[in-house]
N, C-alpha and C. Protein backbone atom coordinates (compact mmCIF):
# COMPACT_ATOMS: atom_id res chain seq x y z
N MET A 1 0.85 -1.19 0.00
CA MET A 1 0.00 0.00 0.00
C MET A 1 0.88 1.24 0.00
N ALA A 2 0.57 2.18 -0.91
CA ALA A 2 1.36 3.39 -1.03
C ALA A 2 1.15 4.27 0.18
N ILE A 3 2.23 4.89 0.62
CA ILE A 3 2.15 5.80 1.75
C ILE A 3 1.79 7.19 1.23
N THR A 4 0.83 7.82 1.89
CA THR A 4 0.41 9.16 1.50
C THR A 4 0.61 10.11 2.67
N GLY A 5 0.51 11.40 2.37
CA GLY A 5 0.66 12.38 3.42
C GLY A 5 2.12 12.64 3.74
N PRO A 6 2.41 13.22 4.88
CA PRO A 6 3.80 13.52 5.26
C PRO A 6 4.61 12.24 5.43
N VAL A 7 5.81 12.20 4.83
CA VAL A 7 6.69 11.04 4.94
C VAL A 7 8.11 11.50 5.21
N ARG A 8 8.93 10.51 5.61
CA ARG A 8 10.36 10.78 5.86
C ARG A 8 11.17 9.71 5.13
N PHE A 9 12.18 10.17 4.34
CA PHE A 9 13.07 9.25 3.64
C PHE A 9 14.48 9.41 4.20
N ARG A 10 15.13 8.26 4.51
CA ARG A 10 16.47 8.31 5.08
C ARG A 10 17.36 7.29 4.35
N TYR A 11 18.56 7.78 3.95
CA TYR A 11 19.54 6.89 3.30
C TYR A 11 20.92 7.23 3.86
N ARG A 12 21.64 6.19 4.27
CA ARG A 12 22.99 6.38 4.80
C ARG A 12 23.94 5.39 4.15
N ASP A 13 25.16 5.88 3.87
CA ASP A 13 26.25 5.03 3.39
C ASP A 13 27.52 5.51 4.09
N GLN A 14 27.87 4.82 5.16
CA GLN A 14 28.99 5.28 5.98
C GLN A 14 30.32 5.17 5.25
N SER A 15 30.43 4.18 4.35
CA SER A 15 31.71 4.02 3.64
C SER A 15 31.98 5.21 2.72
N GLU A 16 30.92 5.79 2.15
CA GLU A 16 31.06 6.94 1.26
C GLU A 16 30.75 8.26 1.98
N ASP A 17 30.48 8.17 3.28
CA ASP A 17 30.14 9.35 4.10
C ASP A 17 28.93 10.09 3.51
N ILE A 18 27.85 9.30 3.23
CA ILE A 18 26.61 9.87 2.67
C ILE A 18 25.50 9.75 3.70
N ASP A 19 24.82 10.85 3.89
CA ASP A 19 23.68 10.86 4.84
C ASP A 19 22.59 11.73 4.25
N VAL A 20 21.50 11.09 3.78
CA VAL A 20 20.41 11.81 3.12
C VAL A 20 19.16 11.71 3.98
N LEU A 21 18.53 12.86 4.26
CA LEU A 21 17.26 12.92 4.99
C LEU A 21 16.32 13.85 4.26
N ILE A 22 15.18 13.34 3.80
CA ILE A 22 14.18 14.14 3.09
C ILE A 22 12.85 13.95 3.79
N GLN A 23 12.19 15.04 4.09
CA GLN A 23 10.90 14.95 4.78
C GLN A 23 9.94 15.95 4.17
N GLY A 24 8.69 15.49 3.92
CA GLY A 24 7.67 16.35 3.33
C GLY A 24 6.54 15.52 2.79
N ASP A 25 5.74 16.11 1.90
CA ASP A 25 4.63 15.38 1.30
C ASP A 25 5.17 14.23 0.46
N ALA A 26 4.43 13.13 0.42
CA ALA A 26 4.92 11.91 -0.23
C ALA A 26 5.28 12.13 -1.69
N GLU A 27 4.47 12.89 -2.45
CA GLU A 27 4.74 13.11 -3.88
C GLU A 27 6.02 13.92 -4.06
N TRP A 28 6.19 14.94 -3.23
CA TRP A 28 7.41 15.78 -3.34
C TRP A 28 8.66 15.00 -2.96
N VAL A 29 8.58 14.18 -1.92
CA VAL A 29 9.73 13.37 -1.50
C VAL A 29 10.10 12.38 -2.59
N GLU A 30 9.10 11.78 -3.23
CA GLU A 30 9.37 10.82 -4.30
C GLU A 30 10.04 11.49 -5.49
N LYS A 31 9.67 12.74 -5.76
CA LYS A 31 10.27 13.50 -6.87
C LYS A 31 11.75 13.76 -6.59
N ILE A 32 12.08 14.14 -5.34
CA ILE A 32 13.48 14.40 -4.99
C ILE A 32 14.28 13.10 -5.04
N ARG A 33 13.70 12.00 -4.60
CA ARG A 33 14.38 10.71 -4.65
C ARG A 33 14.72 10.34 -6.10
N ASP A 34 13.76 10.61 -7.00
CA ASP A 34 13.98 10.29 -8.40
C ASP A 34 15.14 11.10 -8.97
N GLU A 35 15.24 12.39 -8.56
CA GLU A 35 16.33 13.23 -9.04
C GLU A 35 17.68 12.75 -8.51
N LEU A 36 17.68 12.14 -7.31
CA LEU A 36 18.92 11.64 -6.72
C LEU A 36 19.23 10.21 -7.13
N GLY A 37 18.32 9.59 -7.91
CA GLY A 37 18.53 8.20 -8.32
C GLY A 37 18.29 7.22 -7.20
N LEU A 38 17.42 7.61 -6.23
CA LEU A 38 17.13 6.75 -5.08
C LEU A 38 15.65 6.40 -5.01
N SER A 39 14.95 6.51 -6.14
CA SER A 39 13.51 6.29 -6.12
C SER A 39 13.18 4.81 -6.21
N GLY A 40 11.86 4.51 -6.14
CA GLY A 40 11.40 3.14 -6.29
C GLY A 40 11.84 2.28 -5.12
N GLN A 41 12.29 1.03 -5.47
CA GLN A 41 12.74 0.08 -4.46
C GLN A 41 14.24 0.16 -4.23
N GLY A 42 14.81 1.34 -4.53
CA GLY A 42 16.24 1.52 -4.37
C GLY A 42 16.64 1.59 -2.91
N PRO A 43 17.88 2.00 -2.67
CA PRO A 43 18.37 2.06 -1.28
C PRO A 43 17.64 3.13 -0.48
N GLY A 44 17.69 2.97 0.82
CA GLY A 44 17.03 3.95 1.69
C GLY A 44 15.78 3.37 2.35
N PHE A 45 15.20 4.16 3.23
CA PHE A 45 14.04 3.71 3.99
C PHE A 45 13.01 4.84 4.03
N LEU A 46 11.76 4.50 3.65
CA LEU A 46 10.67 5.47 3.61
C LEU A 46 9.65 5.12 4.68
N SER A 47 9.22 6.10 5.47
CA SER A 47 8.24 5.85 6.54
C SER A 47 7.35 7.07 6.73
N PRO A 48 6.15 6.86 7.27
CA PRO A 48 5.28 8.01 7.57
C PRO A 48 5.96 8.95 8.57
N ALA A 49 5.80 10.22 8.36
CA ALA A 49 6.48 11.20 9.21
C ALA A 49 5.93 11.21 10.63
N PHE A 50 4.66 10.84 10.79
CA PHE A 50 4.03 10.87 12.11
C PHE A 50 3.72 9.48 12.64
N GLY A 51 4.38 8.46 12.12
CA GLY A 51 4.23 7.12 12.65
C GLY A 51 2.92 6.45 12.30
N SER A 52 2.19 6.94 11.29
CA SER A 52 0.92 6.32 10.89
C SER A 52 0.67 6.59 9.44
N VAL A 53 -0.12 5.73 8.82
CA VAL A 53 -0.50 5.89 7.42
C VAL A 53 -1.79 6.67 7.35
N GLY A 54 -1.84 7.66 6.51
CA GLY A 54 -3.06 8.46 6.39
C GLY A 54 -3.05 9.61 7.38
N PRO A 55 -4.13 10.37 7.44
CA PRO A 55 -4.20 11.56 8.28
C PRO A 55 -4.16 11.22 9.76
N ARG A 56 -3.56 12.12 10.56
CA ARG A 56 -3.51 11.94 12.00
C ARG A 56 -4.86 12.24 12.62
N PRO A 57 -5.24 11.53 13.67
CA PRO A 57 -6.52 11.82 14.32
C PRO A 57 -6.45 13.18 15.00
N SER A 58 -7.53 13.93 14.90
CA SER A 58 -7.58 15.26 15.51
C SER A 58 -7.87 15.16 16.99
N ALA A 59 -7.55 16.24 17.72
CA ALA A 59 -7.82 16.28 19.16
C ALA A 59 -9.30 16.19 19.43
N ARG A 60 -10.11 16.78 18.52
CA ARG A 60 -11.55 16.77 18.71
C ARG A 60 -12.10 15.34 18.63
N SER A 61 -11.62 14.57 17.64
CA SER A 61 -12.11 13.19 17.50
C SER A 61 -11.68 12.34 18.69
N SER A 62 -10.46 12.60 19.21
CA SER A 62 -9.99 11.87 20.38
C SER A 62 -10.85 12.18 21.59
N SER A 63 -11.22 13.47 21.72
CA SER A 63 -12.08 13.87 22.84
C SER A 63 -13.44 13.23 22.73
N SER A 64 -13.97 13.16 21.49
CA SER A 64 -15.28 12.55 21.28
C SER A 64 -15.25 11.07 21.63
N THR A 65 -14.13 10.40 21.28
CA THR A 65 -14.01 8.98 21.59
C THR A 65 -14.03 8.75 23.10
N LYS A 66 -13.27 9.58 23.85
CA LYS A 66 -13.25 9.45 25.30
C LYS A 66 -14.62 9.69 25.90
N LYS A 67 -15.33 10.68 25.34
CA LYS A 67 -16.66 10.99 25.85
C LYS A 67 -17.61 9.83 25.63
N SER A 68 -17.55 9.22 24.42
CA SER A 68 -18.44 8.09 24.14
C SER A 68 -18.11 6.90 25.03
N GLU A 69 -16.80 6.68 25.31
CA GLU A 69 -16.42 5.58 26.19
C GLU A 69 -16.92 5.80 27.60
N ALA A 70 -16.87 7.07 28.06
CA ALA A 70 -17.36 7.39 29.40
C ALA A 70 -18.87 7.18 29.49
N GLU A 71 -19.59 7.56 28.41
CA GLU A 71 -21.04 7.36 28.40
C GLU A 71 -21.39 5.88 28.42
N GLU A 72 -20.59 5.08 27.70
CA GLU A 72 -20.86 3.64 27.68
C GLU A 72 -20.62 3.03 29.06
N SER A 73 -19.56 3.50 29.77
CA SER A 73 -19.27 2.94 31.10
C SER A 73 -20.37 3.28 32.08
N VAL A 74 -20.98 4.47 31.92
CA VAL A 74 -22.10 4.85 32.80
C VAL A 74 -23.32 4.01 32.49
N ALA A 75 -23.51 3.73 31.20
CA ALA A 75 -24.72 3.02 30.80
C ALA A 75 -24.74 1.58 31.29
N ILE A 76 -23.58 0.99 31.53
CA ILE A 76 -23.55 -0.42 31.91
C ILE A 76 -23.31 -0.62 33.41
N ARG A 77 -23.55 0.42 34.22
CA ARG A 77 -23.39 0.27 35.66
C ARG A 77 -24.41 -0.71 36.21
N PRO A 78 -23.99 -1.57 37.15
CA PRO A 78 -24.92 -2.57 37.68
C PRO A 78 -25.94 -1.94 38.63
N GLY A 79 -26.99 -2.69 38.87
CA GLY A 79 -27.99 -2.24 39.84
C GLY A 79 -29.14 -1.50 39.18
N PRO A 80 -30.21 -1.29 39.94
CA PRO A 80 -31.38 -0.59 39.40
C PRO A 80 -31.12 0.90 39.23
N GLU A 81 -31.94 1.53 38.44
CA GLU A 81 -31.85 2.97 38.24
C GLU A 81 -32.18 3.69 39.55
N PRO A 82 -31.46 4.77 39.88
CA PRO A 82 -31.78 5.51 41.12
C PRO A 82 -33.16 6.13 41.06
N ASP A 83 -33.84 6.11 42.21
CA ASP A 83 -35.19 6.68 42.31
C ASP A 83 -35.16 7.79 43.37
N PRO A 84 -35.06 9.07 42.96
CA PRO A 84 -34.97 10.17 43.93
C PRO A 84 -36.16 10.24 44.88
N SER A 85 -37.31 9.71 44.47
CA SER A 85 -38.49 9.78 45.33
C SER A 85 -38.35 8.92 46.58
N LYS A 86 -37.42 7.95 46.57
CA LYS A 86 -37.22 7.08 47.73
C LYS A 86 -36.24 7.67 48.75
N ILE A 87 -35.62 8.81 48.42
CA ILE A 87 -34.69 9.45 49.34
C ILE A 87 -35.49 10.34 50.29
N PRO A 88 -35.46 10.05 51.60
CA PRO A 88 -36.26 10.86 52.52
C PRO A 88 -35.74 12.29 52.60
N ALA A 89 -36.66 13.22 52.62
CA ALA A 89 -36.30 14.63 52.72
C ALA A 89 -35.97 14.98 54.16
N SER A 90 -34.92 15.77 54.35
CA SER A 90 -34.53 16.23 55.68
C SER A 90 -34.50 17.74 55.66
N ILE A 91 -35.59 18.34 56.06
CA ILE A 91 -35.73 19.79 56.00
C ILE A 91 -35.85 20.34 57.42
N ARG A 92 -35.01 21.30 57.75
CA ARG A 92 -35.06 21.91 59.09
C ARG A 92 -34.95 23.42 58.93
N GLU A 93 -35.86 24.12 59.56
CA GLU A 93 -35.84 25.58 59.48
C GLU A 93 -34.66 26.12 60.27
N ILE A 94 -34.12 27.24 59.79
CA ILE A 94 -33.00 27.87 60.48
C ILE A 94 -33.45 28.32 61.87
N GLY A 95 -32.69 27.92 62.88
CA GLY A 95 -33.02 28.28 64.26
C GLY A 95 -33.95 27.30 64.95
N ALA A 96 -34.38 26.24 64.25
CA ALA A 96 -35.33 25.30 64.85
C ALA A 96 -34.66 24.18 65.63
N LEU A 97 -33.31 24.11 65.58
CA LEU A 97 -32.61 23.04 66.28
C LEU A 97 -32.64 23.27 67.78
N ASP A 98 -33.12 22.27 68.52
CA ASP A 98 -33.13 22.32 69.98
C ASP A 98 -31.89 21.56 70.47
N ILE A 99 -30.82 22.29 70.73
CA ILE A 99 -29.57 21.65 71.06
C ILE A 99 -29.65 20.88 72.38
N HIS A 100 -30.45 21.39 73.32
CA HIS A 100 -30.56 20.71 74.61
C HIS A 100 -31.28 19.36 74.46
N GLN A 101 -32.29 19.32 73.60
CA GLN A 101 -32.99 18.06 73.36
C GLN A 101 -32.07 17.06 72.67
N GLU A 102 -31.25 17.56 71.74
CA GLU A 102 -30.30 16.68 71.06
C GLU A 102 -29.30 16.09 72.07
N PHE A 103 -28.85 16.92 73.02
CA PHE A 103 -27.93 16.43 74.05
C PHE A 103 -28.60 15.35 74.91
N GLU A 104 -29.87 15.56 75.24
CA GLU A 104 -30.58 14.58 76.06
C GLU A 104 -30.71 13.25 75.35
N GLU A 105 -30.97 13.29 74.04
CA GLU A 105 -31.10 12.05 73.27
C GLU A 105 -29.77 11.30 73.21
N LEU A 106 -28.64 12.04 73.29
CA LEU A 106 -27.32 11.42 73.26
C LEU A 106 -26.80 11.13 74.67
N ASN A 107 -27.66 11.36 75.66
CA ASN A 107 -27.30 11.13 77.08
C ASN A 107 -26.10 11.97 77.50
N LEU A 108 -26.00 13.20 76.95
CA LEU A 108 -24.95 14.13 77.33
C LEU A 108 -25.50 15.13 78.33
N THR A 109 -24.72 15.44 79.34
CA THR A 109 -25.16 16.33 80.40
C THR A 109 -24.36 17.62 80.35
N ALA A 110 -25.05 18.74 80.42
CA ALA A 110 -24.36 20.02 80.43
C ALA A 110 -23.55 20.16 81.70
N LEU A 111 -22.43 20.91 81.61
CA LEU A 111 -21.54 21.05 82.77
C LEU A 111 -22.27 21.65 83.96
N SER A 112 -23.17 22.60 83.70
CA SER A 112 -23.89 23.26 84.79
C SER A 112 -24.86 22.32 85.50
N GLU A 113 -25.21 21.19 84.86
CA GLU A 113 -26.16 20.26 85.45
C GLU A 113 -25.49 19.11 86.19
N LEU A 114 -24.16 19.06 86.18
CA LEU A 114 -23.46 17.99 86.88
C LEU A 114 -23.63 18.15 88.39
N ASP A 115 -23.82 17.04 89.06
CA ASP A 115 -23.97 17.03 90.51
C ASP A 115 -22.60 16.79 91.13
N TYR A 116 -21.97 17.87 91.59
CA TYR A 116 -20.62 17.77 92.14
C TYR A 116 -20.59 16.88 93.38
N ASP A 117 -21.64 16.93 94.18
CA ASP A 117 -21.67 16.12 95.40
C ASP A 117 -21.64 14.63 95.06
N SER A 118 -22.42 14.24 94.04
CA SER A 118 -22.42 12.83 93.63
C SER A 118 -21.07 12.41 93.08
N ILE A 119 -20.46 13.32 92.31
CA ILE A 119 -19.14 13.00 91.75
C ILE A 119 -18.12 12.81 92.87
N LYS A 120 -18.17 13.69 93.88
CA LYS A 120 -17.24 13.58 95.00
C LYS A 120 -17.44 12.28 95.77
N LYS A 121 -18.71 11.89 95.97
CA LYS A 121 -18.99 10.64 96.69
C LYS A 121 -18.47 9.44 95.91
N GLU A 122 -18.71 9.44 94.59
CA GLU A 122 -18.22 8.34 93.77
C GLU A 122 -16.69 8.29 93.78
N PHE A 123 -16.09 9.47 93.76
CA PHE A 123 -14.63 9.54 93.76
C PHE A 123 -14.05 9.04 95.09
N ASP A 124 -14.69 9.45 96.20
CA ASP A 124 -14.22 9.01 97.52
C ASP A 124 -14.31 7.49 97.67
N ALA A 125 -15.33 6.90 97.02
CA ALA A 125 -15.51 5.45 97.13
C ALA A 125 -14.41 4.68 96.40
N LEU A 126 -13.68 5.37 95.51
CA LEU A 126 -12.61 4.71 94.76
C LEU A 126 -11.28 4.69 95.52
N GLY A 127 -11.20 5.47 96.60
CA GLY A 127 -9.96 5.54 97.37
C GLY A 127 -9.87 4.41 98.39
N PRO A 128 -8.84 4.39 99.22
CA PRO A 128 -7.66 5.29 99.15
C PRO A 128 -6.75 4.95 97.97
N PHE A 129 -5.88 5.91 97.61
CA PHE A 129 -5.06 5.76 96.41
C PHE A 129 -3.60 5.48 96.78
N GLU A 130 -3.01 4.60 96.01
CA GLU A 130 -1.59 4.30 96.17
C GLU A 130 -0.77 5.25 95.29
N PRO A 131 0.47 5.52 95.64
CA PRO A 131 1.31 6.40 94.80
C PRO A 131 1.44 5.86 93.38
N MET A 132 1.43 6.74 92.44
CA MET A 132 1.58 6.35 91.04
C MET A 132 3.02 5.93 90.79
N GLU A 133 3.22 4.79 90.15
CA GLU A 133 4.58 4.24 89.98
C GLU A 133 5.44 5.14 89.10
N ASP A 134 4.89 5.60 87.99
CA ASP A 134 5.68 6.42 87.05
C ASP A 134 5.19 7.86 87.13
N ALA A 135 5.23 8.43 88.31
CA ALA A 135 4.71 9.78 88.51
C ALA A 135 5.59 10.80 87.81
N GLY A 136 4.95 11.84 87.31
CA GLY A 136 5.69 12.89 86.62
C GLY A 136 6.21 13.95 87.55
N THR A 137 5.71 14.00 88.79
CA THR A 137 6.16 14.98 89.77
C THR A 137 6.40 14.25 91.10
N GLU A 138 6.79 15.04 92.10
CA GLU A 138 7.03 14.45 93.42
C GLU A 138 5.72 14.11 94.12
N ARG A 139 4.60 14.57 93.60
CA ARG A 139 3.28 14.31 94.21
C ARG A 139 2.67 13.06 93.56
N ALA A 140 3.21 11.88 93.90
CA ALA A 140 2.78 10.63 93.26
C ALA A 140 1.37 10.23 93.66
N ILE A 141 1.00 10.44 94.94
CA ILE A 141 -0.36 10.08 95.37
C ILE A 141 -1.37 11.04 94.75
N GLU A 142 -1.04 12.33 94.72
CA GLU A 142 -1.96 13.31 94.13
C GLU A 142 -2.16 13.04 92.63
N GLU A 143 -1.08 12.66 91.94
CA GLU A 143 -1.22 12.37 90.50
C GLU A 143 -2.11 11.16 90.26
N LYS A 144 -2.00 10.14 91.16
CA LYS A 144 -2.87 8.97 91.02
C LYS A 144 -4.32 9.36 91.24
N ALA A 145 -4.58 10.21 92.23
CA ALA A 145 -5.95 10.65 92.49
C ALA A 145 -6.49 11.45 91.32
N LEU A 146 -5.65 12.32 90.74
CA LEU A 146 -6.07 13.10 89.56
C LEU A 146 -6.39 12.18 88.40
N GLN A 147 -5.56 11.15 88.20
CA GLN A 147 -5.79 10.20 87.11
C GLN A 147 -7.13 9.49 87.28
N VAL A 148 -7.44 9.05 88.50
CA VAL A 148 -8.70 8.34 88.75
C VAL A 148 -9.88 9.28 88.54
N LEU A 149 -9.77 10.53 89.01
CA LEU A 149 -10.88 11.48 88.85
C LEU A 149 -11.13 11.80 87.39
N MET A 150 -10.07 12.06 86.64
CA MET A 150 -10.24 12.41 85.22
C MET A 150 -10.77 11.21 84.44
N GLY A 151 -10.34 10.01 84.80
CA GLY A 151 -10.89 8.82 84.15
C GLY A 151 -12.37 8.68 84.42
N GLN A 152 -12.79 8.99 85.64
CA GLN A 152 -14.21 8.93 86.00
C GLN A 152 -15.01 9.95 85.18
N LEU A 153 -14.50 11.17 85.06
CA LEU A 153 -15.22 12.22 84.34
C LEU A 153 -15.28 11.95 82.84
N VAL A 154 -14.23 11.36 82.30
CA VAL A 154 -14.19 11.08 80.86
C VAL A 154 -15.02 9.85 80.51
N GLN A 155 -14.82 8.77 81.25
CA GLN A 155 -15.43 7.50 80.90
C GLN A 155 -16.87 7.36 81.38
N VAL A 156 -17.18 7.95 82.50
CA VAL A 156 -18.54 7.81 83.05
C VAL A 156 -19.44 8.96 82.62
N TYR A 157 -18.90 10.18 82.66
CA TYR A 157 -19.73 11.35 82.36
C TYR A 157 -19.53 11.87 80.94
N GLY A 158 -18.62 11.28 80.22
CA GLY A 158 -18.44 11.64 78.81
C GLY A 158 -17.90 13.03 78.58
N MET A 159 -17.14 13.56 79.51
CA MET A 159 -16.60 14.90 79.36
C MET A 159 -15.40 14.88 78.41
N THR A 160 -15.39 15.81 77.48
CA THR A 160 -14.28 15.89 76.52
C THR A 160 -13.22 16.88 76.97
N THR A 161 -13.60 17.84 77.80
CA THR A 161 -12.65 18.75 78.43
C THR A 161 -13.11 18.97 79.87
N ILE A 162 -12.15 19.10 80.78
CA ILE A 162 -12.47 19.25 82.20
C ILE A 162 -11.88 20.57 82.69
N PRO A 163 -12.71 21.51 83.11
CA PRO A 163 -12.20 22.80 83.56
C PRO A 163 -11.27 22.67 84.76
N GLU A 164 -10.27 23.51 84.80
CA GLU A 164 -9.35 23.51 85.94
C GLU A 164 -10.09 23.83 87.24
N THR A 165 -11.10 24.72 87.15
CA THR A 165 -11.86 25.10 88.35
C THR A 165 -12.60 23.90 88.93
N MET A 166 -13.09 23.02 88.06
CA MET A 166 -13.81 21.84 88.52
C MET A 166 -12.85 20.88 89.23
N LEU A 167 -11.67 20.68 88.64
CA LEU A 167 -10.69 19.80 89.26
C LEU A 167 -10.26 20.35 90.62
N TYR A 168 -10.11 21.66 90.70
CA TYR A 168 -9.69 22.26 91.98
C TYR A 168 -10.78 22.14 93.04
N ASP A 169 -12.05 22.33 92.61
CA ASP A 169 -13.15 22.23 93.58
C ASP A 169 -13.20 20.86 94.23
N ILE A 170 -12.84 19.83 93.48
CA ILE A 170 -12.91 18.46 94.01
C ILE A 170 -11.62 18.06 94.72
N LEU A 171 -10.47 18.52 94.21
CA LEU A 171 -9.20 18.03 94.71
C LEU A 171 -8.39 19.05 95.52
N GLY A 172 -8.72 20.32 95.41
CA GLY A 172 -7.89 21.36 96.01
C GLY A 172 -7.66 21.18 97.50
N GLU A 173 -8.74 21.05 98.26
CA GLU A 173 -8.61 20.88 99.72
C GLU A 173 -7.96 19.55 100.06
N ARG A 174 -8.26 18.52 99.29
CA ARG A 174 -7.70 17.19 99.53
C ARG A 174 -6.18 17.22 99.38
N PHE A 175 -5.68 18.04 98.46
CA PHE A 175 -4.25 18.11 98.19
C PHE A 175 -3.55 19.19 99.01
N SER A 176 -4.32 19.96 99.76
CA SER A 176 -3.75 21.08 100.54
C SER A 176 -3.00 22.05 99.63
N MET A 177 -3.63 22.41 98.50
CA MET A 177 -3.05 23.37 97.56
C MET A 177 -4.01 24.54 97.40
N ASN A 178 -3.45 25.73 97.20
CA ASN A 178 -4.30 26.84 96.81
C ASN A 178 -4.45 26.82 95.28
N LYS A 179 -5.26 27.73 94.75
CA LYS A 179 -5.54 27.71 93.31
C LYS A 179 -4.27 27.91 92.49
N GLY A 180 -3.41 28.80 92.92
CA GLY A 180 -2.18 29.06 92.18
C GLY A 180 -1.27 27.85 92.13
N GLU A 181 -1.09 27.20 93.26
CA GLU A 181 -0.24 26.01 93.31
C GLU A 181 -0.83 24.87 92.49
N PHE A 182 -2.16 24.73 92.58
CA PHE A 182 -2.83 23.66 91.84
C PHE A 182 -2.68 23.88 90.33
N GLY A 183 -2.85 25.13 89.87
CA GLY A 183 -2.70 25.44 88.45
C GLY A 183 -1.29 25.19 87.95
N LYS A 184 -0.27 25.55 88.76
CA LYS A 184 1.12 25.31 88.36
C LYS A 184 1.40 23.82 88.25
N TRP A 185 0.84 23.05 89.17
CA TRP A 185 1.05 21.60 89.15
C TRP A 185 0.44 20.97 87.89
N LEU A 186 -0.77 21.41 87.53
CA LEU A 186 -1.40 20.90 86.31
C LEU A 186 -0.58 21.27 85.08
N ARG A 187 -0.03 22.47 85.06
CA ARG A 187 0.76 22.89 83.90
C ARG A 187 2.08 22.11 83.82
N ARG A 188 2.61 21.68 84.97
CA ARG A 188 3.79 20.80 84.93
C ARG A 188 3.46 19.48 84.28
N LEU A 189 2.31 18.92 84.64
CA LEU A 189 1.89 17.65 84.02
C LEU A 189 1.62 17.83 82.53
N TRP A 190 1.12 18.99 82.16
CA TRP A 190 0.88 19.29 80.74
C TRP A 190 2.20 19.35 79.97
N ARG A 191 3.21 20.02 80.54
CA ARG A 191 4.51 20.12 79.87
C ARG A 191 5.20 18.76 79.77
N MET A 192 4.86 17.86 80.69
CA MET A 192 5.45 16.52 80.66
C MET A 192 4.69 15.56 79.76
N GLY A 193 3.62 16.03 79.13
CA GLY A 193 2.87 15.19 78.19
C GLY A 193 1.87 14.27 78.84
N ARG A 194 1.48 14.55 80.09
CA ARG A 194 0.47 13.71 80.75
C ARG A 194 -0.94 14.21 80.43
N LEU A 195 -1.10 15.52 80.28
CA LEU A 195 -2.39 16.15 80.02
C LEU A 195 -2.32 17.02 78.78
N GLU A 196 -3.47 17.24 78.18
CA GLU A 196 -3.59 18.20 77.09
C GLU A 196 -4.29 19.44 77.64
N ARG A 197 -3.72 20.59 77.37
CA ARG A 197 -4.24 21.84 77.92
C ARG A 197 -5.07 22.57 76.88
N MET A 198 -6.26 23.01 77.26
CA MET A 198 -7.15 23.77 76.40
C MET A 198 -7.24 25.20 76.92
N PHE A 199 -6.98 26.16 76.05
CA PHE A 199 -7.01 27.56 76.45
C PHE A 199 -8.39 28.12 76.16
N GLY A 200 -9.09 28.59 77.21
CA GLY A 200 -10.42 29.15 77.03
C GLY A 200 -10.38 30.60 76.59
N SER A 201 -11.42 31.04 75.90
CA SER A 201 -11.49 32.42 75.42
C SER A 201 -11.60 33.42 76.57
N ASP A 202 -12.06 32.95 77.74
CA ASP A 202 -12.21 33.84 78.90
C ASP A 202 -10.97 33.80 79.80
N GLY A 203 -9.90 33.16 79.35
CA GLY A 203 -8.66 33.11 80.12
C GLY A 203 -8.55 31.90 81.02
N SER A 204 -9.61 31.10 81.11
CA SER A 204 -9.57 29.90 81.96
C SER A 204 -9.00 28.73 81.17
N ASP A 205 -8.45 27.76 81.89
CA ASP A 205 -7.88 26.57 81.27
C ASP A 205 -8.73 25.35 81.54
N SER A 206 -8.72 24.43 80.58
CA SER A 206 -9.33 23.13 80.77
C SER A 206 -8.31 22.07 80.37
N TYR A 207 -8.52 20.85 80.84
CA TYR A 207 -7.55 19.78 80.57
C TYR A 207 -8.28 18.51 80.16
N ILE A 208 -7.54 17.67 79.43
CA ILE A 208 -8.03 16.35 79.06
C ILE A 208 -6.85 15.40 79.16
N PRO A 209 -7.02 14.23 79.73
CA PRO A 209 -5.88 13.31 79.89
C PRO A 209 -5.54 12.58 78.61
N PHE A 210 -4.25 12.35 78.38
CA PHE A 210 -3.85 11.51 77.27
C PHE A 210 -4.16 10.05 77.63
N PRO A 211 -4.63 9.26 76.66
CA PRO A 211 -5.03 7.87 76.96
C PRO A 211 -3.93 7.04 77.60
N TYR A 212 -2.68 7.20 77.14
CA TYR A 212 -1.60 6.36 77.70
C TYR A 212 -1.42 6.63 79.19
N TRP A 213 -1.58 7.91 79.59
CA TRP A 213 -1.43 8.25 81.01
C TRP A 213 -2.64 7.77 81.80
N LEU A 214 -3.82 7.87 81.17
CA LEU A 214 -5.05 7.46 81.84
C LEU A 214 -5.05 5.96 82.13
N GLU A 215 -4.38 5.20 81.28
CA GLU A 215 -4.37 3.75 81.44
C GLU A 215 -3.18 3.26 82.25
N GLY A 216 -2.28 4.16 82.65
CA GLY A 216 -1.09 3.76 83.40
C GLY A 216 -1.43 3.35 84.82
N GLU A 217 -0.55 2.59 85.42
CA GLU A 217 -0.75 2.12 86.80
C GLU A 217 -0.18 3.13 87.79
């Protein structure tokens, strides 16, 4: 089959130091070959200039092919056709959310509704406490008591952050610390990686225990 369109002709003869390269339309290249005595089935190699016989595919046709393939892949997806009418509507007016009711359904209790007396009684029932083996400070018994209290608040009451004021109200007198000393002690544990410190917008701090410390002996 005759090659048409852009072609490339190459002939080399290293012994005679000949190197011929002709590229262009097939008819014009054949005319130059004939003038050089290299036409027909003579020496040299003739090939399409763009690696194909005939016209090159356009970008538009390639895009159309990809589009048709994508449409075919969508058409053969398994399963029934989607039915939008079976999707339940979830419409809620702005401002209609009752956050307190949602908390009740999730069994979450607001901080203001916690019964501190009950928490203290439950905490007292867990004592007395032995010194923590891998204590981060010299107050090994106090750290063990703090660990037990925070575990109780996190695991039983579902608290995600525990205010420093709440911890002090329960433990301050028991530890014989004033508020300043108690806050410094908590910040030491925070710097040692035992607690995570949360900075409140009103200047107050809250804490949450790291799981590895909470599970330590």
